[in-house]
Amino acid sequence: MEIFGLISLTILAIVTIFYFLKRINQKKIKNNKNTIDSFVAKAMASKIASDAQKHRKDQEKYNYIKSIDDAE
């Protein structure tokens, strides 16, 4: 009976240690959030807007050329 109690206590200790290590790691992950600086966010938005505008111009040129080819 003494060995069974020792084995049970050892397993309980191991499980408890892993549980607390997991909780500590989760708290570190929660506190270490990745944030974007407002300057970087504005720069990204500006780049996306300029790329979209360039894409629209390219599409207009493509559609114009395509309509000329279709007319012939």
C-alpha atoms as a PDB file:
ATOM      1  CA  MET A   1       0.000   0.000   0.000  1.00  0.00           C
ATOM      2  CA  GLU A   2       2.901   2.318   0.713  1.00  0.00           C
ATOM      3  CA  ILE A   3       4.275   2.038  -2.860  1.00  0.00           C
ATOM      4  CA  PHE A   4       0.850   2.794  -4.361  1.00  0.00           C
ATOM      5  CA  GLY A   5       0.634   5.971  -2.275  1.00  0.00           C
ATOM      6  CA  LEU A   6       4.146   7.027  -3.283  1.00  0.00           C
ATOM      7  CA  ILE A   7       3.400   6.457  -6.977  1.00  0.00           C
ATOM      8  CA  SER A   8       0.109   8.382  -6.691  1.00  0.00           C
ATOM      9  CA  LEU A   9       1.833  11.265  -4.927  1.00  0.00           C
ATOM     10  CA  THR A  10       4.591  11.384  -7.571  1.00  0.00           C
ATOM     11  CA  ILE A  11       2.076  11.436 -10.426  1.00  0.00           C
ATOM     12  CA  LEU A  12       0.071  14.148  -8.682  1.00  0.00           C
ATOM     13  CA  ALA A  13       3.220  16.239  -8.175  1.00  0.00           C
ATOM     14  CA  ILE A  14       4.221  15.900 -11.844  1.00  0.00           C
ATOM     15  CA  VAL A  15       0.747  16.847 -13.062  1.00  0.00           C
ATOM     16  CA  THR A  16       0.660  19.841 -10.704  1.00  0.00           C
ATOM     17  CA  ILE A  17       4.067  21.070 -11.858  1.00  0.00           C
ATOM     18  CA  PHE A  18       3.080  20.813 -15.546  1.00  0.00           C
ATOM     19  CA  TYR A  19      -0.203  22.586 -14.822  1.00  0.00           C
ATOM     20  CA  PHE A  20       1.516  25.542 -13.166  1.00  0.00           C
ATOM     21  CA  LEU A  21       4.175  25.734 -15.882  1.00  0.00           C
ATOM     22  CA  LYS A  22       1.438  25.840 -18.506  1.00  0.00           C
ATOM     23  CA  ARG A  23      -0.422  28.602 -16.628  1.00  0.00           C
ATOM     24  CA  ILE A  24       2.746  30.692 -16.303  1.00  0.00           C
ATOM     25  CA  ASN A  25       3.459  30.289 -20.036  1.00  0.00           C
ATOM     26  CA  GLN A  26      -0.103  31.335 -20.932  1.00  0.00           C
ATOM     27  CA  LYS A  27       0.223  34.498 -18.853  1.00  0.00           C
ATOM     28  CA  LYS A  28       3.477  35.378 -20.630  1.00  0.00           C
ATOM     29  CA  ILE A  29       1.821  34.897 -24.015  1.00  0.00           C
ATOM     30  CA  LYS A  30      -1.158  37.062 -22.995  1.00  0.00           C
ATOM     31  CA  ASN A  31       1.074  39.863 -21.770  1.00  0.00           C
ATOM     32  CA  ASN A  32       3.285  39.743 -24.872  1.00  0.00           C
ATOM     33  CA  LYS A  33       0.769  40.951 -27.467  1.00  0.00           C
ATOM     34  CA  ASN A  34       2.049  42.142 -30.816  1.00  0.00           C
ATOM     35  CA  THR A  35       0.910  45.673 -31.524  1.00  0.00           C
ATOM     36  CA  ILE A  36       1.408  47.844 -34.566  1.00  0.00           C
ATOM     37  CA  ASP A  37       2.506  51.428 -34.196  1.00  0.00           C
ATOM     38  CA  SER A  38       0.013  53.974 -35.557  1.00  0.00           C
ATOM     39  CA  PHE A  39       2.682  55.378 -37.908  1.00  0.00           C
ATOM     40  CA  VAL A  40       3.231  51.921 -39.402  1.00  0.00           C
ATOM     41  CA  ALA A  41      -0.513  51.323 -39.726  1.00  0.00           C
ATOM     42  CA  LYS A  42      -0.979  54.616 -41.574  1.00  0.00           C
ATOM     43  CA  ALA A  43       1.932  53.821 -43.881  1.00  0.00           C
ATOM     44  CA  MET A  44       0.477  50.395 -44.660  1.00  0.00           C
ATOM     45  CA  ALA A  45      -2.956  51.886 -45.377  1.00  0.00           C
ATOM     46  CA  SER A  46      -1.395  54.495 -47.657  1.00  0.00           C
ATOM     47  CA  LYS A  47       0.544  51.814 -49.556  1.00  0.00           C
ATOM     48  CA  ILE A  48      -2.580  49.689 -49.997  1.00  0.00           C
ATOM     49  CA  ALA A  49      -4.553  52.699 -51.258  1.00  0.00           C
ATOM     50  CA  SER A  50      -1.860  53.680 -53.749  1.00  0.00           C
ATOM     51  CA  ASP A  51      -1.559  50.094 -54.992  1.00  0.00           C
ATOM     52  CA  ALA A  52      -5.333  49.925 -55.464  1.00  0.00           C
ATOM     53  CA  GLN A  53      -5.325  53.189 -57.399  1.00  0.00           C
ATOM     54  CA  LYS A  54      -2.478  51.950 -59.631  1.00  0.00           C
ATOM     55  CA  HIS A  55      -4.346  48.685 -60.196  1.00  0.00           C
ATOM     56  CA  ARG A  56      -7.497  50.585 -61.237  1.00  0.00           C
ATOM     57  CA  LYS A  57      -5.505  52.662 -63.747  1.00  0.00           C
ATOM     58  CA  ASP A  58      -3.896  49.530 -65.170  1.00  0.00           C
ATOM     59  CA  GLN A  59      -7.334  47.900 -65.491  1.00  0.00           C
ATOM     60  CA  GLU A  60      -8.709  50.958 -67.321  1.00  0.00           C
ATOM     61  CA  LYS A  61      -5.805  50.823 -69.793  1.00  0.00           C
ATOM     62  CA  TYR A  62      -6.285  47.076 -70.268  1.00  0.00           C
ATOM     63  CA  ASN A  63     -10.030  47.442 -70.808  1.00  0.00           C
ATOM     64  CA  TYR A  64      -9.453  50.316 -73.267  1.00  0.00           C
ATOM     65  CA  ILE A  65      -6.967  48.254 -75.284  1.00  0.00           C
ATOM     66  CA  LYS A  66      -9.276  45.244 -75.150  1.00  0.00           C
ATOM     67  CA  SER A  67     -12.255  47.290 -76.393  1.00  0.00           C
ATOM     68  CA  ILE A  68     -10.186  48.554 -79.350  1.00  0.00           C
ATOM     69  CA  ASP A  69      -9.195  44.978 -80.240  1.00  0.00           C
ATOM     70  CA  ASP A  70     -12.804  43.833 -79.996  1.00  0.00           C
ATOM     71  CA  ALA A  71     -13.991  46.644 -82.252  1.00  0.00           C
ATOM     72  CA  GLU A  72     -11.705  45.551 -85.082  1.00  0.00           C
END
